[in-house]
Amino acid sequence: MALTHHGYGVRLGFNLTWASEGVLRPDLDSREQRLTIEMRGVQRLHMEGGLSQRMLDYPEAINWGLSEVSLLRAEPCAAGLQLQVLWEGERRIVIDAQSASVIGPDGVPSLP
């Protein structure tokens, strides 16, 4: 996640790891499949860490699983569009923005 255009926008990048439900991509170690979401006219950016007391006490024990997103959800809101990035538990990012575009793994825009 990165702020863009002096905080006017937010860019979210996701490395897709699953070929289908329950099956890891066979080329995971040799090829990145990146999905990028560009949010413009950001009115709200909220992140909840959802860290347990154990995570806070032993941060060196945290592994890649903490960054594995469970669900992306988009729905209308007063600003235009709300994107929710959800993990298991209370960890989440919520962004309200005027508009968004999605660039798929093949580099082709998916939404205007």
PDB file of N, CA and C in Angstrom:
ATOM      1  N   MET A   1       0.848  -1.162   0.000  1.00  0.00           N
ATOM      2  CA  MET A   1       0.000   0.000   0.000  1.00  0.00           C
ATOM      3  C   MET A   1       0.893   1.224   0.000  1.00  0.00           C
ATOM      4  N   ALA A   2       0.538   2.207  -0.839  1.00  0.00           N
ATOM      5  CA  ALA A   2       1.311   3.448  -0.908  1.00  0.00           C
ATOM      6  C   ALA A   2       0.376   4.613  -1.207  1.00  0.00           C
ATOM      7  N   LEU A   3       0.657   5.758  -0.587  1.00  0.00           N
ATOM      8  CA  LEU A   3      -0.061   6.976  -0.934  1.00  0.00           C
ATOM      9  C   LEU A   3       0.481   7.486  -2.256  1.00  0.00           C
ATOM     10  N   THR A   4      -0.398   7.995  -3.112  1.00  0.00           N
ATOM     11  CA  THR A   4       0.011   8.520  -4.408  1.00  0.00           C
ATOM     12  C   THR A   4      -0.517   9.946  -4.563  1.00  0.00           C
ATOM     13  N   HIS A   5       0.065  10.678  -5.475  1.00  0.00           N
ATOM     14  CA  HIS A   5      -0.337  12.047  -5.796  1.00  0.00           C
ATOM     15  C   HIS A   5      -0.511  12.872  -4.519  1.00  0.00           C
ATOM     16  N   HIS A   6       0.499  12.842  -3.673  1.00  0.00           N
ATOM     17  CA  HIS A   6       0.553  13.627  -2.430  1.00  0.00           C
ATOM     18  C   HIS A   6      -0.584  13.285  -1.470  1.00  0.00           C
ATOM     19  N   GLY A   7      -1.040  12.047  -1.476  1.00  0.00           N
ATOM     20  CA  GLY A   7      -2.109  11.611  -0.586  1.00  0.00           C
ATOM     21  C   GLY A   7      -3.497  11.690  -1.188  1.00  0.00           C
ATOM     22  N   TYR A   8      -3.601  12.138  -2.421  1.00  0.00           N
ATOM     23  CA  TYR A   8      -4.894  12.175  -3.123  1.00  0.00           C
ATOM     24  C   TYR A   8      -5.375  10.758  -3.416  1.00  0.00           C
ATOM     25  N   GLY A   9      -4.427   9.855  -3.605  1.00  0.00           N
ATOM     26  CA  GLY A   9      -4.759   8.482  -3.964  1.00  0.00           C
ATOM     27  C   GLY A   9      -4.028   7.462  -3.109  1.00  0.00           C
ATOM     28  N   VAL A  10      -4.464   6.228  -3.258  1.00  0.00           N
ATOM     29  CA  VAL A  10      -3.829   5.091  -2.598  1.00  0.00           C
ATOM     30  C   VAL A  10      -3.675   3.987  -3.636  1.00  0.00           C
ATOM     31  N   ARG A  11      -2.495   3.377  -3.681  1.00  0.00           N
ATOM     32  CA  ARG A  11      -2.236   2.233  -4.563  1.00  0.00           C
ATOM     33  C   ARG A  11      -2.060   1.004  -3.680  1.00  0.00           C
ATOM     34  N   LEU A  12      -2.822  -0.041  -3.998  1.00  0.00           N
ATOM     35  CA  LEU A  12      -2.731  -1.307  -3.280  1.00  0.00           C
ATOM     36  C   LEU A  12      -2.251  -2.368  -4.255  1.00  0.00           C
ATOM     37  N   GLY A  13      -1.244  -3.114  -3.859  1.00  0.00           N
ATOM     38  CA  GLY A  13      -0.723  -4.194  -4.701  1.00  0.00           C
ATOM     39  C   GLY A  13      -0.891  -5.525  -4.003  1.00  0.00           C
ATOM     40  N   PHE A  14      -1.373  -6.501  -4.744  1.00  0.00           N
ATOM     41  CA  PHE A  14      -1.591  -7.843  -4.206  1.00  0.00           C
ATOM     42  C   PHE A  14      -0.901  -8.855  -5.106  1.00  0.00           C
ATOM     43  N   ASN A  15      -0.142  -9.754  -4.502  1.00  0.00           N
ATOM     44  CA  ASN A  15       0.460 -10.857  -5.236  1.00  0.00           C
ATOM     45  C   ASN A  15      -0.492 -12.041  -5.112  1.00  0.00           C
ATOM     46  N   LEU A  16      -1.053 -12.454  -6.223  1.00  0.00           N
ATOM     47  CA  LEU A  16      -2.036 -13.537  -6.214  1.00  0.00           C
ATOM     48  C   LEU A  16      -1.325 -14.877  -6.060  1.00  0.00           C
ATOM     49  N   THR A  17      -1.705 -15.637  -5.049  1.00  0.00           N
ATOM     50  CA  THR A  17      -1.016 -16.894  -4.752  1.00  0.00           C
ATOM     51  C   THR A  17      -1.842 -18.130  -5.066  1.00  0.00           C
ATOM     52  N   TRP A  18      -3.143 -17.980  -5.183  1.00  0.00           N
ATOM     53  CA  TRP A  18      -4.015 -19.144  -5.377  1.00  0.00           C
ATOM     54  C   TRP A  18      -4.447 -19.277  -6.837  1.00  0.00           C
ATOM     55  N   ALA A  19      -4.329 -20.473  -7.398  1.00  0.00           N
ATOM     56  CA  ALA A  19      -4.819 -20.750  -8.750  1.00  0.00           C
ATOM     57  C   ALA A  19      -6.333 -20.908  -8.699  1.00  0.00           C
ATOM     58  N   SER A  20      -6.825 -21.563  -7.699  1.00  0.00           N
ATOM     59  CA  SER A  20      -8.250 -21.712  -7.432  1.00  0.00           C
ATOM     60  C   SER A  20      -8.377 -21.987  -5.945  1.00  0.00           C
ATOM     61  N   GLU A  21      -9.581 -22.083  -5.466  1.00  0.00           N
ATOM     62  CA  GLU A  21      -9.769 -22.270  -4.028  1.00  0.00           C
ATOM     63  C   GLU A  21      -9.053 -23.523  -3.539  1.00  0.00           C
ATOM     64  N   GLY A  22      -8.125 -23.313  -2.606  1.00  0.00           N
ATOM     65  CA  GLY A  22      -7.419 -24.426  -1.996  1.00  0.00           C
ATOM     66  C   GLY A  22      -6.215 -24.935  -2.766  1.00  0.00           C
ATOM     67  N   VAL A  23      -5.882 -24.313  -3.916  1.00  0.00           N
ATOM     68  CA  VAL A  23      -4.759 -24.786  -4.725  1.00  0.00           C
ATOM     69  C   VAL A  23      -3.791 -23.626  -4.973  1.00  0.00           C
ATOM     70  N   LEU A  24      -2.560 -23.769  -4.464  1.00  0.00           N
ATOM     71  CA  LEU A  24      -1.535 -22.763  -4.722  1.00  0.00           C
ATOM     72  C   LEU A  24      -1.107 -22.802  -6.178  1.00  0.00           C
ATOM     73  N   ARG A  25      -0.780 -21.635  -6.728  1.00  0.00           N
ATOM     74  CA  ARG A  25      -0.281 -21.589  -8.102  1.00  0.00           C
ATOM     75  C   ARG A  25       1.006 -22.392  -8.207  1.00  0.00           C
ATOM     76  N   PRO A  26       1.166 -23.203  -9.247  1.00  0.00           N
ATOM     77  CA  PRO A  26       2.387 -24.004  -9.391  1.00  0.00           C
ATOM     78  C   PRO A  26       3.623 -23.158  -9.713  1.00  0.00           C
ATOM     79  N   ASP A  27       3.439 -21.952 -10.267  1.00  0.00           N
ATOM     80  CA  ASP A  27       4.573 -21.101 -10.656  1.00  0.00           C
ATOM     81  C   ASP A  27       4.844 -20.007  -9.622  1.00  0.00           C
ATOM     82  N   LEU A  28       4.416 -20.201  -8.405  1.00  0.00           N
ATOM     83  CA  LEU A  28       4.516 -19.202  -7.352  1.00  0.00           C
ATOM     84  C   LEU A  28       5.950 -18.709  -7.129  1.00  0.00           C
ATOM     85  N   ASP A  29       6.922 -19.592  -7.196  1.00  0.00           N
ATOM     86  CA  ASP A  29       8.319 -19.221  -6.953  1.00  0.00           C
ATOM     87  C   ASP A  29       9.008 -18.596  -8.160  1.00  0.00           C
ATOM     88  N   SER A  30       8.411 -18.728  -9.334  1.00  0.00           N
ATOM     89  CA  SER A  30       9.091 -18.256 -10.535  1.00  0.00           C
ATOM     90  C   SER A  30       8.409 -17.064 -11.212  1.00  0.00           C
ATOM     91  N   ARG A  31       7.158 -16.770 -10.854  1.00  0.00           N
ATOM     92  CA  ARG A  31       6.445 -15.689 -11.547  1.00  0.00           C
ATOM     93  C   ARG A  31       5.465 -15.011 -10.600  1.00  0.00           C
ATOM     94  N   GLU A  32       5.534 -13.692 -10.556  1.00  0.00           N
ATOM     95  CA  GLU A  32       4.603 -12.923  -9.732  1.00  0.00           C
ATOM     96  C   GLU A  32       3.356 -12.606 -10.539  1.00  0.00           C
ATOM     97  N   GLN A  33       2.208 -12.739  -9.932  1.00  0.00           N
ATOM     98  CA  GLN A  33       0.953 -12.314 -10.541  1.00  0.00           C
ATOM     99  C   GLN A  33       0.395 -11.215  -9.656  1.00  0.00           C
ATOM    100  N   ARG A  34       0.538  -9.979 -10.099  1.00  0.00           N
ATOM    101  CA  ARG A  34       0.189  -8.827  -9.272  1.00  0.00           C
ATOM    102  C   ARG A  34      -1.122  -8.205  -9.747  1.00  0.00           C
ATOM    103  N   LEU A  35      -2.006  -7.978  -8.778  1.00  0.00           N
ATOM    104  CA  LEU A  35      -3.240  -7.238  -8.981  1.00  0.00           C
ATOM    105  C   LEU A  35      -3.039  -5.888  -8.311  1.00  0.00           C
ATOM    106  N   THR A  36      -3.299  -4.790  -9.031  1.00  0.00           N
ATOM    107  CA  THR A  36      -3.111  -3.449  -8.489  1.00  0.00           C
ATOM    108  C   THR A  36      -4.443  -2.710  -8.508  1.00  0.00           C
ATOM    109  N   ILE A  37      -4.771  -2.089  -7.385  1.00  0.00           N
ATOM    110  CA  ILE A  37      -5.976  -1.266  -7.287  1.00  0.00           C
ATOM    111  C   ILE A  37      -5.530   0.159  -6.996  1.00  0.00           C
ATOM    112  N   GLU A  38      -5.941   1.076  -7.857  1.00  0.00           N
ATOM    113  CA  GLU A  38      -5.634   2.503  -7.708  1.00  0.00           C
ATOM    114  C   GLU A  38      -6.900   3.215  -7.250  1.00  0.00           C
ATOM    115  N   MET A  39      -6.864   3.782  -6.047  1.00  0.00           N
ATOM    116  CA  MET A  39      -7.988   4.547  -5.511  1.00  0.00           C
ATOM    117  C   MET A  39      -7.671   6.030  -5.695  1.00  0.00           C
ATOM    118  N   ARG A  40      -8.663   6.812  -6.175  1.00  0.00           N
ATOM    119  CA  ARG A  40      -8.467   8.246  -6.412  1.00  0.00           C
ATOM    120  C   ARG A  40      -9.505   9.046  -5.636  1.00  0.00           C
ATOM    121  N   GLY A  41      -9.132  10.213  -5.199  1.00  0.00           N
ATOM    122  CA  GLY A  41     -10.028  11.062  -4.417  1.00  0.00           C
ATOM    123  C   GLY A  41     -10.343  10.437  -3.070  1.00  0.00           C
ATOM    124  N   VAL A  42      -9.298   9.998  -2.384  1.00  0.00           N
ATOM    125  CA  VAL A  42      -9.470   9.274  -1.120  1.00  0.00           C
ATOM    126  C   VAL A  42      -9.964  10.223  -0.029  1.00  0.00           C
ATOM    127  N   GLN A  43     -11.086   9.867   0.570  1.00  0.00           N
ATOM    128  CA  GLN A  43     -11.667  10.642   1.671  1.00  0.00           C
ATOM    129  C   GLN A  43     -11.394   9.996   3.026  1.00  0.00           C
ATOM    130  N   ARG A  44     -11.192   8.680   3.025  1.00  0.00           N
ATOM    131  CA  ARG A  44     -10.920   7.985   4.287  1.00  0.00           C
ATOM    132  C   ARG A  44      -9.991   6.817   4.019  1.00  0.00           C
ATOM    133  N   LEU A  45      -9.000   6.674   4.892  1.00  0.00           N
ATOM    134  CA  LEU A  45      -8.086   5.533   4.874  1.00  0.00           C
ATOM    135  C   LEU A  45      -7.979   5.059   6.313  1.00  0.00           C
ATOM    136  N   HIS A  46      -8.466   3.859   6.572  1.00  0.00           N
ATOM    137  CA  HIS A  46      -8.499   3.338   7.937  1.00  0.00           C
ATOM    138  C   HIS A  46      -7.854   1.952   7.938  1.00  0.00           C
ATOM    139  N   MET A  47      -6.934   1.736   8.871  1.00  0.00           N
ATOM    140  CA  MET A  47      -6.318   0.428   9.020  1.00  0.00           C
ATOM    141  C   MET A  47      -6.407  -0.008  10.465  1.00  0.00           C
ATOM    142  N   GLU A  48      -6.866  -1.226  10.667  1.00  0.00           N
ATOM    143  CA  GLU A  48      -6.863  -1.855  11.985  1.00  0.00           C
ATOM    144  C   GLU A  48      -5.885  -3.001  11.925  1.00  0.00           C
ATOM    145  N   GLY A  49      -4.937  -3.008  12.861  1.00  0.00           N
ATOM    146  CA  GLY A  49      -3.920  -4.059  12.876  1.00  0.00           C
ATOM    147  C   GLY A  49      -4.458  -5.406  13.312  1.00  0.00           C
ATOM    148  N   GLY A  50      -5.411  -5.409  14.248  1.00  0.00           N
ATOM    149  CA  GLY A  50      -5.972  -6.663  14.730  1.00  0.00           C
ATOM    150  C   GLY A  50      -4.924  -7.596  15.320  1.00  0.00           C
ATOM    151  N   LEU A  51      -3.877  -7.034  15.889  1.00  0.00           N
ATOM    152  CA  LEU A  51      -2.793  -7.855  16.431  1.00  0.00           C
ATOM    153  C   LEU A  51      -3.172  -8.415  17.799  1.00  0.00           C
ATOM    154  N   SER A  52      -2.866  -9.665  17.992  1.00  0.00           N
ATOM    155  CA  SER A  52      -3.114 -10.304  19.283  1.00  0.00           C
ATOM    156  C   SER A  52      -2.019  -9.893  20.274  1.00  0.00           C
ATOM    157  N   GLN A  53      -2.258 -10.154  21.546  1.00  0.00           N
ATOM    158  CA  GLN A  53      -1.244  -9.848  22.555  1.00  0.00           C
ATOM    159  C   GLN A  53       0.034 -10.646  22.293  1.00  0.00           C
ATOM    160  N   ARG A  54      -0.118 -11.886  21.834  1.00  0.00           N
ATOM    161  CA  ARG A  54       1.055 -12.713  21.516  1.00  0.00           C
ATOM    162  C   ARG A  54       1.877 -12.092  20.383  1.00  0.00           C
ATOM    163  N   MET A  55       1.209 -11.577  19.355  1.00  0.00           N
ATOM    164  CA  MET A  55       1.924 -10.921  18.260  1.00  0.00           C
ATOM    165  C   MET A  55       2.683  -9.701  18.762  1.00  0.00           C
ATOM    166  N   LEU A  56       2.056  -8.938  19.647  1.00  0.00           N
ATOM    167  CA  LEU A  56       2.710  -7.752  20.206  1.00  0.00           C
ATOM    168  C   LEU A  56       3.907  -8.132  21.077  1.00  0.00           C
ATOM    169  N   ASP A  57       3.779  -9.229  21.818  1.00  0.00           N
ATOM    170  CA  ASP A  57       4.860  -9.677  22.700  1.00  0.00           C
ATOM    171  C   ASP A  57       6.007 -10.342  21.946  1.00  0.00           C
ATOM    172  N   TYR A  58       5.704 -11.028  20.828  1.00  0.00           N
ATOM    173  CA  TYR A  58       6.714 -11.795  20.076  1.00  0.00           C
ATOM    174  C   TYR A  58       6.646 -11.469  18.579  1.00  0.00           C
ATOM    175  N   PRO A  59       6.933 -10.226  18.183  1.00  0.00           N
ATOM    176  CA  PRO A  59       6.820  -9.866  16.772  1.00  0.00           C
ATOM    177  C   PRO A  59       7.754 -10.682  15.865  1.00  0.00           C
ATOM    178  N   GLU A  60       8.862 -11.199  16.409  1.00  0.00           N
ATOM    179  CA  GLU A  60       9.775 -12.008  15.589  1.00  0.00           C
ATOM    180  C   GLU A  60       9.150 -13.333  15.174  1.00  0.00           C
ATOM    181  N   ALA A  61       8.077 -13.762  15.826  1.00  0.00           N
ATOM    182  CA  ALA A  61       7.410 -15.021  15.480  1.00  0.00           C
ATOM    183  C   ALA A  61       6.384 -14.848  14.360  1.00  0.00           C
ATOM    184  N   ILE A  62       6.101 -13.606  13.960  1.00  0.00           N
ATOM    185  CA  ILE A  62       5.131 -13.353  12.886  1.00  0.00           C
ATOM    186  C   ILE A  62       5.751 -13.774  11.561  1.00  0.00           C
ATOM    187  N   ASN A  63       4.968 -14.451  10.733  1.00  0.00           N
ATOM    188  CA  ASN A  63       5.463 -14.871   9.418  1.00  0.00           C
ATOM    189  C   ASN A  63       4.568 -14.319   8.308  1.00  0.00           C
ATOM    190  N   TRP A  64       4.774 -14.774   7.091  1.00  0.00           N
ATOM    191  CA  TRP A  64       4.069 -14.272   5.917  1.00  0.00           C
ATOM    192  C   TRP A  64       2.553 -14.407   6.040  1.00  0.00           C
ATOM    193  N   GLY A  65       2.074 -15.304   6.866  1.00  0.00           N
ATOM    194  CA  GLY A  65       0.636 -15.515   6.992  1.00  0.00           C
ATOM    195  C   GLY A  65      -0.123 -14.278   7.450  1.00  0.00           C
ATOM    196  N   LEU A  66       0.543 -13.382   8.169  1.00  0.00           N
ATOM    197  CA  LEU A  66      -0.131 -12.168   8.632  1.00  0.00           C
ATOM    198  C   LEU A  66      -0.557 -11.287   7.458  1.00  0.00           C
ATOM    199  N   SER A  67       0.157 -11.346   6.355  1.00  0.00           N
ATOM    200  CA  SER A  67      -0.159 -10.504   5.198  1.00  0.00           C
ATOM    201  C   SER A  67      -1.125 -11.159   4.211  1.00  0.00           C
ATOM    202  N   GLU A  68      -1.549 -12.374   4.477  1.00  0.00           N
ATOM    203  CA  GLU A  68      -2.440 -13.092   3.543  1.00  0.00           C
ATOM    204  C   GLU A  68      -3.876 -12.584   3.692  1.00  0.00           C
ATOM    205  N   VAL A  69      -4.342 -11.855   2.680  1.00  0.00           N
ATOM    206  CA  VAL A  69      -5.682 -11.261   2.661  1.00  0.00           C
ATOM    207  C   VAL A  69      -6.719 -12.349   2.411  1.00  0.00           C
ATOM    208  N   SER A  70      -7.829 -12.274   3.158  1.00  0.00           N
ATOM    209  CA  SER A  70      -8.906 -13.249   2.996  1.00  0.00           C
ATOM    210  C   SER A  70      -9.937 -12.814   1.962  1.00  0.00           C
ATOM    211  N   LEU A  71     -10.218 -11.499   1.894  1.00  0.00           N
ATOM    212  CA  LEU A  71     -11.323 -11.034   1.053  1.00  0.00           C
ATOM    213  C   LEU A  71     -11.131  -9.583   0.660  1.00  0.00           C
ATOM    214  N   LEU A  72     -11.429  -9.256  -0.588  1.00  0.00           N
ATOM    215  CA  LEU A  72     -11.543  -7.879  -1.059  1.00  0.00           C
ATOM    216  C   LEU A  72     -13.017  -7.640  -1.339  1.00  0.00           C
ATOM    217  N   ARG A  73     -13.549  -6.532  -0.828  1.00  0.00           N
ATOM    218  CA  ARG A  73     -14.966  -6.226  -1.038  1.00  0.00           C
ATOM    219  C   ARG A  73     -15.074  -4.764  -1.440  1.00  0.00           C
ATOM    220  N   ALA A  74     -15.859  -4.475  -2.486  1.00  0.00           N
ATOM    221  CA  ALA A  74     -16.107  -3.102  -2.921  1.00  0.00           C
ATOM    222  C   ALA A  74     -17.607  -2.863  -2.917  1.00  0.00           C
ATOM    223  N   GLU A  75     -18.005  -1.687  -2.424  1.00  0.00           N
ATOM    224  CA  GLU A  75     -19.416  -1.339  -2.402  1.00  0.00           C
ATOM    225  C   GLU A  75     -19.557   0.175  -2.454  1.00  0.00           C
ATOM    226  N   PRO A  76     -20.722   0.663  -2.884  1.00  0.00           N
ATOM    227  CA  PRO A  76     -20.936   2.110  -2.933  1.00  0.00           C
ATOM    228  C   PRO A  76     -20.887   2.720  -1.532  1.00  0.00           C
ATOM    229  N   CYS A  77     -20.462   3.987  -1.460  1.00  0.00           N
ATOM    230  CA  CYS A  77     -20.475   4.751  -0.209  1.00  0.00           C
ATOM    231  C   CYS A  77     -20.702   6.218  -0.567  1.00  0.00           C
ATOM    232  N   ALA A  78     -20.816   7.078   0.438  1.00  0.00           N
ATOM    233  CA  ALA A  78     -21.076   8.503   0.207  1.00  0.00           C
ATOM    234  C   ALA A  78     -19.991   9.152  -0.653  1.00  0.00           C
ATOM    235  N   ALA A  79     -18.733   8.730  -0.508  1.00  0.00           N
ATOM    236  CA  ALA A  79     -17.629   9.299  -1.291  1.00  0.00           C
ATOM    237  C   ALA A  79     -17.624   8.786  -2.726  1.00  0.00           C
ATOM    238  N   GLY A  80     -18.242   7.647  -2.961  1.00  0.00           N
ATOM    239  CA  GLY A  80     -18.269   7.024  -4.278  1.00  0.00           C
ATOM    240  C   GLY A  80     -18.125   5.516  -4.193  1.00  0.00           C
ATOM    241  N   LEU A  81     -16.974   5.063  -3.674  1.00  0.00           N
ATOM    242  CA  LEU A  81     -16.684   3.634  -3.601  1.00  0.00           C
ATOM    243  C   LEU A  81     -15.911   3.336  -2.321  1.00  0.00           C
ATOM    244  N   GLN A  82     -16.320   2.286  -1.638  1.00  0.00           N
ATOM    245  CA  GLN A  82     -15.574   1.837  -0.463  1.00  0.00           C
ATOM    246  C   GLN A  82     -14.930   0.507  -0.787  1.00  0.00           C
ATOM    247  N   LEU A  83     -13.628   0.417  -0.560  1.00  0.00           N
ATOM    248  CA  LEU A  83     -12.893  -0.839  -0.714  1.00  0.00           C
ATOM    249  C   LEU A  83     -12.540  -1.341   0.673  1.00  0.00           C
ATOM    250  N   GLN A  84     -12.859  -2.597   0.936  1.00  0.00           N
ATOM    251  CA  GLN A  84     -12.517  -3.239   2.201  1.00  0.00           C
ATOM    252  C   GLN A  84     -11.542  -4.367   1.904  1.00  0.00           C
ATOM    253  N   VAL A  85     -10.393  -4.316   2.539  1.00  0.00           N
ATOM    254  CA  VAL A  85      -9.396  -5.379   2.468  1.00  0.00           C
ATOM    255  C   VAL A  85      -9.477  -6.082   3.814  1.00  0.00           C
ATOM    256  N   LEU A  86      -9.884  -7.356   3.806  1.00  0.00           N
ATOM    257  CA  LEU A  86     -10.178  -8.055   5.051  1.00  0.00           C
ATOM    258  C   LEU A  86      -9.283  -9.275   5.229  1.00  0.00           C
ATOM    259  N   TRP A  87      -8.827  -9.437   6.442  1.00  0.00           N
ATOM    260  CA  TRP A  87      -8.072 -10.606   6.850  1.00  0.00           C
ATOM    261  C   TRP A  87      -8.955 -11.407   7.795  1.00  0.00           C
ATOM    262  N   GLU A  88      -8.515 -12.566   8.204  1.00  0.00           N
ATOM    263  CA  GLU A  88      -9.219 -13.284   9.257  1.00  0.00           C
ATOM    264  C   GLU A  88      -9.084 -12.468  10.535  1.00  0.00           C
ATOM    265  N   GLY A  89     -10.086 -12.466  11.373  1.00  0.00           N
ATOM    266  CA  GLY A  89     -10.038 -11.680  12.603  1.00  0.00           C
ATOM    267  C   GLY A  89     -10.385 -10.229  12.338  1.00  0.00           C
ATOM    268  N   GLU A  90      -9.809  -9.327  13.128  1.00  0.00           N
ATOM    269  CA  GLU A  90     -10.157  -7.909  13.080  1.00  0.00           C
ATOM    270  C   GLU A  90      -9.261  -7.070  12.181  1.00  0.00           C
ATOM    271  N   ARG A  91      -8.243  -7.656  11.570  1.00  0.00           N
ATOM    272  CA  ARG A  91      -7.311  -6.917  10.718  1.00  0.00           C
ATOM    273  C   ARG A  91      -8.050  -6.477   9.457  1.00  0.00           C
ATOM    274  N   ARG A  92      -7.918  -5.178   9.093  1.00  0.00           N
ATOM    275  CA  ARG A  92      -8.614  -4.683   7.910  1.00  0.00           C
ATOM    276  C   ARG A  92      -8.073  -3.330   7.465  1.00  0.00           C
ATOM    277  N   ILE A  93      -8.285  -3.036   6.184  1.00  0.00           N
ATOM    278  CA  ILE A  93      -8.062  -1.704   5.623  1.00  0.00           C
ATOM    279  C   ILE A  93      -9.377  -1.312   4.963  1.00  0.00           C
ATOM    280  N   VAL A  94      -9.844  -0.097   5.236  1.00  0.00           N
ATOM    281  CA  VAL A  94     -11.063   0.417   4.615  1.00  0.00           C
ATOM    282  C   VAL A  94     -10.718   1.754   3.973  1.00  0.00           C
ATOM    283  N   ILE A  95     -11.047   1.890   2.686  1.00  0.00           N
ATOM    284  CA  ILE A  95     -10.752   3.115   1.948  1.00  0.00           C
ATOM    285  C   ILE A  95     -12.034   3.594   1.280  1.00  0.00           C
ATOM    286  N   ASP A  96     -12.409   4.851   1.546  1.00  0.00           N
ATOM    287  CA  ASP A  96     -13.514   5.495   0.839  1.00  0.00           C
ATOM    288  C   ASP A  96     -12.897   6.459  -0.159  1.00  0.00           C
ATOM    289  N   ALA A  97     -13.289   6.336  -1.430  1.00  0.00           N
ATOM    290  CA  ALA A  97     -12.694   7.172  -2.470  1.00  0.00           C
ATOM    291  C   ALA A  97     -13.724   7.515  -3.532  1.00  0.00           C
ATOM    292  N   GLN A  98     -13.390   8.503  -4.339  1.00  0.00           N
ATOM    293  CA  GLN A  98     -14.274   8.910  -5.423  1.00  0.00           C
ATOM    294  C   GLN A  98     -14.340   7.845  -6.516  1.00  0.00           C
ATOM    295  N   SER A  99     -13.193   7.236  -6.844  1.00  0.00           N
ATOM    296  CA  SER A  99     -13.171   6.231  -7.910  1.00  0.00           C
ATOM    297  C   SER A  99     -11.991   5.291  -7.735  1.00  0.00           C
ATOM    298  N   ALA A 100     -12.002   4.233  -8.526  1.00  0.00           N
ATOM    299  CA  ALA A 100     -10.922   3.238  -8.468  1.00  0.00           C
ATOM    300  C   ALA A 100     -10.758   2.599  -9.832  1.00  0.00           C
ATOM    301  N   SER A 101      -9.582   2.064 -10.048  1.00  0.00           N
ATOM    302  CA  SER A 101      -9.336   1.245 -11.230  1.00  0.00           C
ATOM    303  C   SER A 101      -8.528   0.033 -10.799  1.00  0.00           C
ATOM    304  N   VAL A 102      -8.692  -1.033 -11.544  1.00  0.00           N
ATOM    305  CA  VAL A 102      -8.014  -2.287 -11.240  1.00  0.00           C
ATOM    306  C   VAL A 102      -7.166  -2.677 -12.436  1.00  0.00           C
ATOM    307  N   ILE A 103      -5.917  -3.018 -12.161  1.00  0.00           N
ATOM    308  CA  ILE A 103      -5.027  -3.522 -13.211  1.00  0.00           C
ATOM    309  C   ILE A 103      -4.737  -4.964 -12.859  1.00  0.00           C
ATOM    310  N   GLY A 104      -5.148  -5.868 -13.734  1.00  0.00           N
ATOM    311  CA  GLY A 104      -5.023  -7.286 -13.491  1.00  0.00           C
ATOM    312  C   GLY A 104      -3.610  -7.790 -13.661  1.00  0.00           C
ATOM    313  N   PRO A 105      -3.416  -9.075 -13.372  1.00  0.00           N
ATOM    314  CA  PRO A 105      -2.089  -9.678 -13.455  1.00  0.00           C
ATOM    315  C   PRO A 105      -1.450  -9.561 -14.841  1.00  0.00           C
ATOM    316  N   ASP A 106      -2.256  -9.449 -15.874  1.00  0.00           N
ATOM    317  CA  ASP A 106      -1.706  -9.351 -17.217  1.00  0.00           C
ATOM    318  C   ASP A 106      -1.393  -7.918 -17.609  1.00  0.00           C
ATOM    319  N   GLY A 107      -1.575  -6.969 -16.655  1.00  0.00           N
ATOM    320  CA  GLY A 107      -1.277  -5.563 -16.910  1.00  0.00           C
ATOM    321  C   GLY A 107      -2.383  -4.816 -17.612  1.00  0.00           C
ATOM    322  N   VAL A 108      -3.535  -5.440 -17.789  1.00  0.00           N
ATOM    323  CA  VAL A 108      -4.661  -4.828 -18.487  1.00  0.00           C
ATOM    324  C   VAL A 108      -5.639  -4.265 -17.466  1.00  0.00           C
ATOM    325  N   PRO A 109      -6.061  -3.004 -17.636  1.00  0.00           N
ATOM    326  CA  PRO A 109      -7.064  -2.441 -16.729  1.00  0.00           C
ATOM    327  C   PRO A 109      -8.357  -3.260 -16.784  1.00  0.00           C
ATOM    328  N   SER A 110      -8.922  -3.520 -15.591  1.00  0.00           N
ATOM    329  CA  SER A 110     -10.140  -4.309 -15.507  1.00  0.00           C
ATOM    330  C   SER A 110     -11.379  -3.457 -15.313  1.00  0.00           C
ATOM    331  N   LEU A 111     -11.230  -2.295 -14.666  1.00  0.00           N
ATOM    332  CA  LEU A 111     -12.348  -1.386 -14.423  1.00  0.00           C
ATOM    333  C   LEU A 111     -11.939   0.014 -14.803  1.00  0.00           C
ATOM    334  N   PRO A 112     -12.905   0.841 -15.228  1.00  0.00           N
ATOM    335  CA  PRO A 112     -12.568   2.241 -15.534  1.00  0.00           C
ATOM    336  C   PRO A 112     -12.291   3.029 -14.293  1.00  0.00           C
TER     337      PRO A 112
END
